[in-house]
N, C-alpha and C. Protein backbone atom coordinates (compact mmCIF):
# COMPACT_ATOMS: atom_id res chain seq x y z
N UNK A 1 0.80 -1.06 0.05
CA UNK A 1 -0.03 0.03 -0.11
C UNK A 1 0.82 1.15 -0.11
N UNK A 2 0.61 2.23 -0.80
CA UNK A 2 1.42 3.47 -0.80
C UNK A 2 1.05 4.32 0.26
N UNK A 3 1.99 5.09 0.78
CA UNK A 3 1.95 5.94 2.02
C UNK A 3 1.42 7.25 1.35
N UNK A 4 0.42 7.73 2.11
CA UNK A 4 -0.11 9.06 1.80
C UNK A 4 0.59 10.25 2.63
N UNK A 5 1.01 11.16 1.80
CA UNK A 5 1.72 12.35 2.37
C UNK A 5 1.13 13.63 1.74
N UNK A 6 1.13 14.62 2.75
CA UNK A 6 0.73 16.05 2.18
C UNK A 6 1.80 16.89 2.63
N UNK A 7 2.30 17.85 1.72
CA UNK A 7 3.26 18.78 1.88
C UNK A 7 2.91 19.98 1.04
N UNK A 8 3.61 21.03 1.31
CA UNK A 8 3.52 22.27 0.38
C UNK A 8 4.26 21.97 -0.97
N UNK A 9 3.52 22.48 -1.87
CA UNK A 9 4.22 22.35 -3.16
C UNK A 9 5.43 23.03 -3.50
N UNK A 10 6.38 22.58 -4.24
CA UNK A 10 7.59 23.26 -4.54
C UNK A 10 7.51 23.47 -6.14
N UNK A 11 8.45 24.38 -6.66
CA UNK A 11 8.56 24.64 -8.04
C UNK A 11 8.84 23.29 -8.78
N UNK A 12 9.59 22.44 -8.30
CA UNK A 12 9.95 21.09 -9.09
C UNK A 12 8.65 20.26 -9.19
N UNK A 13 7.48 20.69 -8.67
CA UNK A 13 6.23 19.84 -8.79
C UNK A 13 5.57 20.30 -10.15
N UNK A 14 5.78 21.45 -10.66
CA UNK A 14 5.16 22.05 -11.52
C UNK A 14 4.58 21.22 -12.74
N UNK A 15 5.42 20.48 -13.39
CA UNK A 15 5.10 19.65 -14.53
C UNK A 15 4.08 18.60 -14.01
N UNK A 16 4.23 17.85 -12.91
CA UNK A 16 3.28 16.70 -12.43
C UNK A 16 2.01 17.50 -12.10
N UNK A 17 1.91 18.55 -11.50
CA UNK A 17 0.77 19.29 -11.22
C UNK A 17 -0.05 19.67 -12.51
N UNK A 18 0.63 20.18 -13.48
CA UNK A 18 -0.11 20.48 -14.72
C UNK A 18 -0.54 19.33 -15.29
N UNK A 19 0.04 18.17 -15.31
CA UNK A 19 -0.29 16.92 -15.85
C UNK A 19 -1.60 16.40 -15.07
N UNK A 20 -1.45 16.50 -13.84
CA UNK A 20 -2.59 16.09 -12.80
C UNK A 20 -3.89 16.87 -13.34
N UNK A 21 -3.70 18.16 -13.31
CA UNK A 21 -4.92 18.95 -13.62
C UNK A 21 -5.60 18.64 -15.01
N UNK A 22 -4.88 18.15 -15.95
CA UNK A 22 -5.51 17.72 -17.17
C UNK A 22 -6.10 16.39 -17.09
N UNK A 23 -5.63 15.56 -16.25
CA UNK A 23 -6.30 14.23 -15.80
C UNK A 23 -7.55 14.72 -15.07
N UNK A 24 -7.58 15.38 -14.02
CA UNK A 24 -8.62 15.68 -13.10
C UNK A 24 -9.67 16.45 -13.91
N UNK A 25 -9.30 17.40 -14.72
CA UNK A 25 -10.24 18.16 -15.45
C UNK A 25 -10.96 17.33 -16.48
N UNK A 26 -10.52 16.29 -16.96
CA UNK A 26 -11.06 15.33 -17.73
C UNK A 26 -11.88 14.39 -17.07
N UNK A 27 -11.74 14.25 -15.85
CA UNK A 27 -12.59 13.17 -14.93
C UNK A 27 -13.85 13.89 -14.37
N UNK A 28 -13.89 15.17 -14.29
CA UNK A 28 -14.99 15.83 -13.46
C UNK A 28 -15.19 17.14 -14.03
N UNK A 29 -16.66 17.50 -13.91
CA UNK A 29 -17.18 18.94 -14.29
C UNK A 29 -17.19 19.78 -12.81
N UNK A 30 -16.52 19.24 -11.74
CA UNK A 30 -16.69 20.04 -10.57
C UNK A 30 -15.78 21.12 -10.56
N UNK A 31 -14.74 21.21 -11.31
CA UNK A 31 -13.58 22.23 -11.23
C UNK A 31 -13.86 23.37 -12.20
N UNK A 32 -13.18 24.28 -12.16
CA UNK A 32 -13.08 25.54 -12.92
C UNK A 32 -12.34 25.30 -14.32
N UNK A 33 -11.76 24.20 -14.47
CA UNK A 33 -10.91 23.85 -15.70
C UNK A 33 -11.45 22.67 -16.24
N UNK A 34 -11.15 22.16 -17.45
CA UNK A 34 -11.54 21.04 -18.13
C UNK A 34 -10.25 20.12 -18.41
N UNK A 35 -10.41 19.18 -19.31
CA UNK A 35 -9.40 18.36 -19.83
C UNK A 35 -8.08 19.06 -20.31
N UNK A 36 -8.15 20.31 -20.52
CA UNK A 36 -7.16 21.09 -21.01
C UNK A 36 -6.34 21.51 -19.98
N UNK A 37 -6.74 21.48 -18.68
CA UNK A 37 -6.00 21.94 -17.36
C UNK A 37 -5.95 23.40 -17.35
N UNK A 38 -4.89 23.94 -16.74
CA UNK A 38 -4.61 25.28 -16.67
C UNK A 38 -4.02 25.96 -17.98
N UNK A 39 -4.14 27.14 -18.12
CA UNK A 39 -3.53 27.71 -19.36
C UNK A 39 -2.10 28.43 -18.90
N UNK A 40 -1.25 27.63 -18.29
CA UNK A 40 0.07 28.15 -17.77
C UNK A 40 1.11 27.14 -18.42
N UNK A 41 2.26 27.77 -18.77
CA UNK A 41 3.22 26.88 -19.24
C UNK A 41 3.86 26.30 -17.98
N UNK A 42 4.82 25.19 -18.10
CA UNK A 42 5.60 24.73 -17.11
C UNK A 42 6.33 25.64 -16.20
N UNK A 43 6.96 26.67 -16.93
CA UNK A 43 7.92 27.76 -16.37
C UNK A 43 6.86 28.57 -15.42
N UNK A 44 5.82 28.97 -16.02
CA UNK A 44 4.87 29.86 -15.37
C UNK A 44 4.45 29.20 -14.00
N UNK A 45 4.11 27.87 -14.23
CA UNK A 45 3.55 27.12 -13.09
C UNK A 45 4.73 27.00 -12.04
N UNK A 46 5.96 26.85 -12.41
CA UNK A 46 7.09 26.74 -11.50
C UNK A 46 7.19 28.10 -10.83
N UNK A 47 7.08 29.21 -11.46
CA UNK A 47 7.15 30.46 -10.89
C UNK A 47 6.10 30.62 -10.00
N UNK A 48 4.76 30.45 -10.30
CA UNK A 48 3.77 30.65 -9.40
C UNK A 48 4.02 29.90 -8.16
N UNK A 49 4.50 28.61 -8.24
CA UNK A 49 4.60 27.82 -6.94
C UNK A 49 5.78 28.58 -6.15
N UNK A 50 6.86 28.93 -6.86
CA UNK A 50 7.95 29.45 -6.15
C UNK A 50 7.52 30.81 -5.44
N UNK A 51 6.71 31.50 -6.02
CA UNK A 51 6.33 32.83 -5.34
C UNK A 51 5.56 32.58 -4.15
N UNK A 52 4.93 31.37 -3.95
CA UNK A 52 4.10 31.10 -2.79
C UNK A 52 4.70 30.41 -1.68
N UNK A 53 5.87 29.95 -1.86
CA UNK A 53 6.69 29.04 -0.88
C UNK A 53 6.58 29.44 0.55
N UNK A 54 6.82 30.85 0.62
CA UNK A 54 7.06 31.27 2.04
C UNK A 54 6.05 32.28 2.56
N UNK A 55 4.92 32.36 1.87
CA UNK A 55 3.92 33.31 2.18
C UNK A 55 2.87 32.92 3.45
N UNK A 56 2.48 33.64 4.36
CA UNK A 56 1.64 33.36 5.38
C UNK A 56 0.19 33.36 4.91
N UNK A 57 -0.09 34.03 3.95
CA UNK A 57 -1.45 34.30 3.53
C UNK A 57 -2.00 33.31 2.33
N UNK A 58 -1.10 32.50 1.89
CA UNK A 58 -1.44 31.58 0.66
C UNK A 58 -0.55 30.47 0.96
N UNK A 59 -1.29 29.28 0.52
CA UNK A 59 -0.49 27.96 0.41
C UNK A 59 -1.00 27.04 -0.44
N UNK A 60 0.03 26.28 -1.45
CA UNK A 60 -0.50 25.38 -2.35
C UNK A 60 0.06 23.97 -1.81
N UNK A 61 -0.84 23.00 -1.47
CA UNK A 61 -0.41 21.59 -1.12
C UNK A 61 -0.73 20.68 -2.24
N UNK A 62 0.23 19.67 -2.24
CA UNK A 62 0.05 18.39 -2.88
C UNK A 62 -0.10 17.21 -1.94
N UNK A 63 -0.88 16.37 -2.37
CA UNK A 63 -1.05 15.02 -1.74
C UNK A 63 -0.47 14.01 -2.57
N UNK A 64 0.39 13.14 -2.01
CA UNK A 64 1.01 11.97 -2.71
C UNK A 64 0.73 10.64 -2.08
N UNK A 65 0.40 9.71 -2.99
CA UNK A 65 0.20 8.33 -2.66
C UNK A 65 1.59 7.73 -3.26
N UNK A 66 2.46 7.30 -2.39
CA UNK A 66 3.75 7.00 -2.67
C UNK A 66 4.45 8.07 -3.47
N UNK A 67 4.89 7.80 -4.66
CA UNK A 67 5.69 8.90 -5.38
C UNK A 67 4.85 9.71 -6.20
N UNK A 68 3.48 9.52 -6.39
CA UNK A 68 2.65 10.17 -7.30
C UNK A 68 1.66 11.26 -6.63
N UNK A 69 1.70 12.39 -7.28
CA UNK A 69 0.84 13.53 -6.81
C UNK A 69 -0.60 13.10 -7.28
N UNK A 70 -1.54 12.98 -6.31
CA UNK A 70 -2.84 12.68 -6.75
C UNK A 70 -3.90 13.61 -6.24
N UNK A 71 -3.61 14.65 -5.57
CA UNK A 71 -4.32 15.70 -5.32
C UNK A 71 -3.68 16.99 -4.85
N UNK A 72 -4.50 18.11 -4.82
CA UNK A 72 -4.01 19.40 -4.54
C UNK A 72 -4.97 20.21 -3.71
N UNK A 73 -4.47 21.30 -3.07
CA UNK A 73 -5.30 22.12 -2.32
C UNK A 73 -4.64 23.36 -2.25
N UNK A 74 -5.30 24.50 -2.45
CA UNK A 74 -4.92 25.94 -2.57
C UNK A 74 -5.70 26.78 -1.50
N UNK A 75 -5.02 27.48 -0.58
CA UNK A 75 -5.73 28.43 0.30
C UNK A 75 -5.21 29.85 0.05
N UNK A 76 -6.08 30.68 0.11
CA UNK A 76 -5.77 32.13 -0.16
C UNK A 76 -6.50 32.81 0.90
N UNK A 77 -5.88 33.64 1.72
CA UNK A 77 -6.44 34.63 2.57
C UNK A 77 -6.91 35.87 1.93
N UNK A 78 -7.93 36.44 2.23
CA UNK A 78 -8.44 37.63 1.53
C UNK A 78 -7.38 38.81 2.06
N UNK A 79 -7.37 39.77 1.09
CA UNK A 79 -6.42 40.94 1.31
C UNK A 79 -7.45 42.21 1.70
N UNK A 80 -6.73 42.98 2.35
CA UNK A 80 -7.35 44.25 2.72
C UNK A 80 -7.72 44.12 4.19
N UNK A 81 -7.75 45.07 5.04
CA UNK A 81 -8.02 45.16 6.31
C UNK A 81 -9.21 44.58 6.96
N UNK A 82 -10.16 44.76 6.11
CA UNK A 82 -11.45 44.48 6.55
C UNK A 82 -12.03 43.04 6.17
N UNK A 83 -11.02 42.44 5.28
CA UNK A 83 -11.40 41.05 4.81
C UNK A 83 -10.35 40.02 5.21
N UNK A 84 -9.19 40.56 5.70
CA UNK A 84 -8.17 39.76 5.98
C UNK A 84 -8.38 38.65 6.98
N UNK A 85 -9.48 38.70 7.64
CA UNK A 85 -9.89 37.51 8.86
C UNK A 85 -10.47 36.36 8.07
N UNK A 86 -10.43 36.28 6.85
CA UNK A 86 -10.98 35.08 6.13
C UNK A 86 -10.25 34.75 4.79
N UNK A 87 -10.56 33.49 4.41
CA UNK A 87 -9.91 33.06 3.22
C UNK A 87 -10.88 31.90 2.65
N UNK A 88 -10.30 31.49 1.34
CA UNK A 88 -11.11 30.41 0.63
C UNK A 88 -10.13 29.46 0.16
N UNK A 89 -10.48 28.20 -0.18
CA UNK A 89 -9.70 27.20 -0.82
C UNK A 89 -10.48 26.57 -1.83
N UNK A 90 -9.63 25.81 -2.68
CA UNK A 90 -10.05 24.80 -3.49
C UNK A 90 -9.29 23.55 -3.47
N UNK A 91 -9.91 22.35 -3.68
CA UNK A 91 -9.25 21.03 -3.49
C UNK A 91 -9.64 20.36 -4.71
N UNK A 92 -8.78 19.36 -5.10
CA UNK A 92 -9.14 18.54 -6.09
C UNK A 92 -8.31 17.29 -5.97
N UNK A 93 -9.05 16.00 -6.23
CA UNK A 93 -8.32 14.68 -5.98
C UNK A 93 -8.64 13.88 -7.11
N UNK A 94 -7.64 13.24 -7.76
CA UNK A 94 -7.84 12.42 -8.79
C UNK A 94 -8.66 11.28 -8.53
N UNK A 95 -9.65 10.70 -9.42
CA UNK A 95 -10.54 9.82 -9.15
C UNK A 95 -10.01 8.50 -8.79
N UNK A 96 -8.86 8.01 -9.20
CA UNK A 96 -8.33 6.90 -8.77
C UNK A 96 -7.87 6.87 -7.21
N UNK A 97 -7.81 8.13 -6.62
CA UNK A 97 -7.41 8.28 -5.19
C UNK A 97 -8.54 8.41 -4.41
N UNK A 98 -9.86 8.47 -5.00
CA UNK A 98 -11.03 8.86 -3.93
C UNK A 98 -11.09 7.76 -3.11
N UNK A 99 -11.72 7.95 -1.82
CA UNK A 99 -11.85 7.02 -0.80
C UNK A 99 -10.56 6.54 -0.14
N UNK A 100 -9.50 7.21 -0.38
CA UNK A 100 -8.27 6.79 0.19
C UNK A 100 -7.56 7.75 1.28
N UNK A 101 -8.50 8.66 1.76
CA UNK A 101 -8.17 9.72 2.83
C UNK A 101 -7.42 10.84 2.26
N UNK A 102 -7.27 11.04 0.94
CA UNK A 102 -6.58 12.01 0.28
C UNK A 102 -7.33 13.58 0.57
N UNK A 103 -8.55 13.46 0.41
CA UNK A 103 -9.41 14.76 0.74
C UNK A 103 -9.35 15.02 2.11
N UNK A 104 -9.48 14.20 2.99
CA UNK A 104 -9.35 14.38 4.36
C UNK A 104 -7.97 14.96 4.91
N UNK A 105 -6.83 14.47 4.21
CA UNK A 105 -5.62 14.84 4.50
C UNK A 105 -5.37 16.31 4.01
N UNK A 106 -5.80 16.74 2.83
CA UNK A 106 -5.60 17.96 2.29
C UNK A 106 -6.63 18.93 3.07
N UNK A 107 -7.68 18.54 3.57
CA UNK A 107 -8.52 19.43 4.34
C UNK A 107 -7.79 19.96 5.53
N UNK A 108 -7.22 18.73 6.28
CA UNK A 108 -6.46 19.21 7.51
C UNK A 108 -5.33 19.98 7.31
N UNK A 109 -4.67 20.01 6.13
CA UNK A 109 -3.65 20.72 5.91
C UNK A 109 -3.96 22.31 5.75
N UNK A 110 -5.09 22.29 4.97
CA UNK A 110 -5.72 23.74 4.58
C UNK A 110 -6.18 24.41 5.82
N UNK A 111 -6.84 23.68 6.93
CA UNK A 111 -7.39 24.22 7.93
C UNK A 111 -6.26 24.51 8.97
N UNK A 112 -5.23 23.75 9.07
CA UNK A 112 -4.08 23.92 9.89
C UNK A 112 -3.36 25.17 9.41
N UNK A 113 -3.15 25.37 8.08
CA UNK A 113 -2.49 26.52 7.69
C UNK A 113 -3.38 27.79 7.76
N UNK A 114 -4.73 27.74 7.54
CA UNK A 114 -5.67 28.83 7.71
C UNK A 114 -5.52 29.38 9.04
N UNK A 115 -5.57 28.44 10.14
CA UNK A 115 -5.62 28.83 11.54
C UNK A 115 -4.28 29.31 11.98
N UNK A 116 -3.28 28.65 11.64
CA UNK A 116 -1.97 28.78 12.40
C UNK A 116 -1.04 29.69 11.57
N UNK A 117 -1.10 29.80 10.29
CA UNK A 117 -0.25 30.68 9.29
C UNK A 117 -0.91 31.97 8.87
N UNK A 118 -2.10 31.78 8.37
CA UNK A 118 -2.78 32.87 7.75
C UNK A 118 -3.67 33.63 8.90
N UNK A 119 -3.74 32.99 10.01
CA UNK A 119 -4.48 33.51 11.20
C UNK A 119 -5.84 33.99 10.81
N UNK A 120 -6.58 33.21 9.92
CA UNK A 120 -7.89 33.37 9.62
C UNK A 120 -9.02 32.97 10.68
N UNK A 121 -10.02 33.79 10.63
CA UNK A 121 -11.14 33.23 11.57
C UNK A 121 -12.25 32.60 10.77
N UNK A 122 -12.25 32.63 9.46
CA UNK A 122 -13.27 32.10 8.78
C UNK A 122 -12.71 31.53 7.44
N UNK A 123 -13.23 30.27 7.18
CA UNK A 123 -12.67 29.71 5.79
C UNK A 123 -14.12 29.40 5.03
N UNK A 124 -13.94 29.78 3.79
CA UNK A 124 -15.28 29.57 3.01
C UNK A 124 -14.81 28.92 1.71
N UNK A 125 -15.83 28.42 1.04
CA UNK A 125 -15.51 27.66 -0.26
C UNK A 125 -16.93 27.80 -0.97
N UNK A 126 -16.67 27.38 -2.47
CA UNK A 126 -17.92 27.14 -3.20
C UNK A 126 -17.88 25.73 -3.65
N UNK A 127 -18.98 25.04 -3.81
CA UNK A 127 -18.87 23.59 -4.22
C UNK A 127 -20.40 23.43 -5.08
N UNK A 128 -20.16 22.58 -6.00
CA UNK A 128 -21.36 22.18 -6.78
C UNK A 128 -22.49 21.65 -5.89
N UNK A 129 -23.71 22.11 -6.02
CA UNK A 129 -24.81 21.66 -5.17
C UNK A 129 -25.01 20.10 -5.41
N UNK A 130 -24.48 19.43 -6.46
CA UNK A 130 -24.78 18.11 -6.71
C UNK A 130 -23.60 17.17 -6.39
N UNK A 131 -22.51 17.79 -5.96
CA UNK A 131 -21.13 17.11 -5.47
C UNK A 131 -21.33 16.73 -4.06
N UNK A 132 -22.24 15.61 -3.91
CA UNK A 132 -22.50 15.22 -2.55
C UNK A 132 -21.18 14.63 -1.94
N UNK A 133 -20.29 13.95 -2.57
CA UNK A 133 -19.08 13.41 -2.01
C UNK A 133 -18.24 14.61 -1.45
N UNK A 134 -18.08 15.78 -2.06
CA UNK A 134 -17.37 16.80 -1.53
C UNK A 134 -18.09 17.50 -0.26
N UNK A 135 -19.43 17.71 -0.50
CA UNK A 135 -20.27 18.30 0.49
C UNK A 135 -20.12 17.51 1.83
N UNK A 136 -20.17 16.35 1.75
CA UNK A 136 -20.13 15.39 2.80
C UNK A 136 -18.79 15.55 3.55
N UNK A 137 -17.75 15.60 2.77
CA UNK A 137 -16.33 15.85 3.28
C UNK A 137 -16.33 17.18 4.15
N UNK A 138 -16.77 18.34 3.57
CA UNK A 138 -16.71 19.50 4.16
C UNK A 138 -17.60 19.44 5.33
N UNK A 139 -18.77 19.03 5.39
CA UNK A 139 -19.64 19.00 6.48
C UNK A 139 -18.95 18.18 7.71
N UNK A 140 -18.25 17.17 7.37
CA UNK A 140 -17.62 16.28 8.33
C UNK A 140 -16.43 17.28 9.08
N UNK A 141 -15.88 18.11 8.36
CA UNK A 141 -14.97 19.10 8.94
C UNK A 141 -15.64 20.31 9.59
N UNK A 142 -17.05 20.33 9.49
CA UNK A 142 -17.61 21.46 10.32
C UNK A 142 -18.20 22.63 9.48
N UNK A 143 -17.98 22.40 8.12
CA UNK A 143 -18.53 23.60 7.24
C UNK A 143 -20.06 23.43 7.18
N UNK A 144 -20.61 24.54 6.99
CA UNK A 144 -22.10 24.78 6.89
C UNK A 144 -22.58 25.57 5.75
N UNK A 145 -23.74 25.03 5.01
CA UNK A 145 -24.13 25.86 3.86
C UNK A 145 -24.60 27.09 4.27
N UNK A 146 -24.23 28.16 3.61
CA UNK A 146 -24.72 29.55 4.02
C UNK A 146 -25.65 30.22 2.92
N UNK A 147 -25.58 29.53 1.79
CA UNK A 147 -26.23 30.16 0.61
C UNK A 147 -25.91 29.23 -0.68
N UNK A 148 -26.63 29.76 -1.76
CA UNK A 148 -26.54 29.14 -3.15
C UNK A 148 -26.36 30.31 -4.09
N UNK A 149 -25.21 30.09 -4.82
CA UNK A 149 -24.96 30.94 -6.07
C UNK A 149 -25.53 30.25 -7.16
N UNK A 150 -26.77 30.80 -7.72
CA UNK A 150 -27.29 30.16 -8.89
C UNK A 150 -26.48 30.49 -10.17
N UNK A 151 -26.32 29.55 -10.95
CA UNK A 151 -25.54 29.81 -12.20
C UNK A 151 -23.88 30.11 -11.97
N UNK A 152 -23.45 29.42 -10.99
CA UNK A 152 -21.86 29.92 -10.80
C UNK A 152 -21.19 29.24 -11.79
N UNK A 153 -21.42 28.12 -12.43
CA UNK A 153 -20.74 27.78 -13.63
C UNK A 153 -21.68 27.55 -14.69
N UNK A 154 -21.22 27.73 -16.06
CA UNK A 154 -21.95 27.39 -17.17
C UNK A 154 -21.28 26.34 -18.01
N UNK A 155 -21.77 25.25 -18.15
CA UNK A 155 -21.07 24.18 -18.75
C UNK A 155 -22.14 23.70 -19.95
N UNK A 156 -21.62 23.60 -21.16
CA UNK A 156 -22.49 23.17 -22.40
C UNK A 156 -23.76 23.70 -22.34
N UNK A 157 -23.55 25.22 -22.07
CA UNK A 157 -25.03 25.88 -22.04
C UNK A 157 -25.88 25.79 -20.84
N UNK A 158 -25.47 24.92 -19.95
CA UNK A 158 -26.38 24.62 -18.71
C UNK A 158 -25.82 25.29 -17.56
N UNK A 159 -26.60 26.10 -16.82
CA UNK A 159 -26.13 26.77 -15.60
C UNK A 159 -26.07 25.74 -14.49
N UNK A 160 -25.06 25.93 -13.74
CA UNK A 160 -24.88 24.92 -12.61
C UNK A 160 -24.63 25.68 -11.26
N UNK A 161 -25.58 25.31 -10.24
CA UNK A 161 -25.62 26.05 -8.87
C UNK A 161 -24.46 25.58 -8.04
N UNK A 162 -23.92 26.39 -7.19
CA UNK A 162 -23.07 25.91 -6.18
C UNK A 162 -23.40 26.56 -4.88
N UNK A 163 -23.25 25.76 -3.85
CA UNK A 163 -23.44 26.15 -2.52
C UNK A 163 -22.22 26.93 -2.00
N UNK A 164 -22.43 27.81 -1.24
CA UNK A 164 -21.29 28.62 -0.47
C UNK A 164 -21.34 28.02 0.85
N UNK A 165 -20.09 27.61 1.30
CA UNK A 165 -20.12 27.01 2.71
C UNK A 165 -18.89 27.77 3.45
N UNK A 166 -19.08 27.84 4.86
CA UNK A 166 -18.11 28.39 5.61
C UNK A 166 -17.99 27.62 6.99
N UNK A 167 -16.72 27.85 7.54
CA UNK A 167 -16.46 27.31 8.79
C UNK A 167 -15.84 28.45 9.67
N UNK A 168 -16.07 28.67 10.95
CA UNK A 168 -15.49 29.56 11.74
C UNK A 168 -14.42 28.71 12.56
N UNK A 169 -13.22 29.20 12.54
CA UNK A 169 -12.12 28.44 13.02
C UNK A 169 -11.82 28.58 14.61
N UNK A 170 -12.13 29.85 15.02
CA UNK A 170 -11.75 30.17 16.53
C UNK A 170 -12.97 30.13 17.37
N UNK A 171 -14.06 29.42 17.15
CA UNK A 171 -15.31 29.51 17.94
C UNK A 171 -15.65 28.11 18.24
């Protein structure tokens, strides 16, 4: 059995992350990208990761099963004095790694970072209303639905609704 590890991404992960996003984007309509992945070159991705390595307000994590990156999570604290108490994140896991604790491990890394490094009080996210697997994960970590954004995505001419969920970290 492959060991599951989660760590901050480094510039050397760029190629594998970009390839992973193409795979995951082709497996799911739950993300903002499709099978084409991100519109960044490997060098742009390397620089993007490098620029986030030492930030307290933002972090990009990778989850590995053995030697393979199978999931990512990205947290960003809001900027500006009146909004810096909160932040949001996105998480994605390759289908072949579903049910293996990857989402749970990434969630723990995100919440630890938000609480301890970003010093956030509130974490929020958007999730497709029909993504029951993700909603269940978020609810297990104490997130609550606070609203619905109608038409958050438009895929093949169809509007897709998303829940907005939040968690208070220090209460």
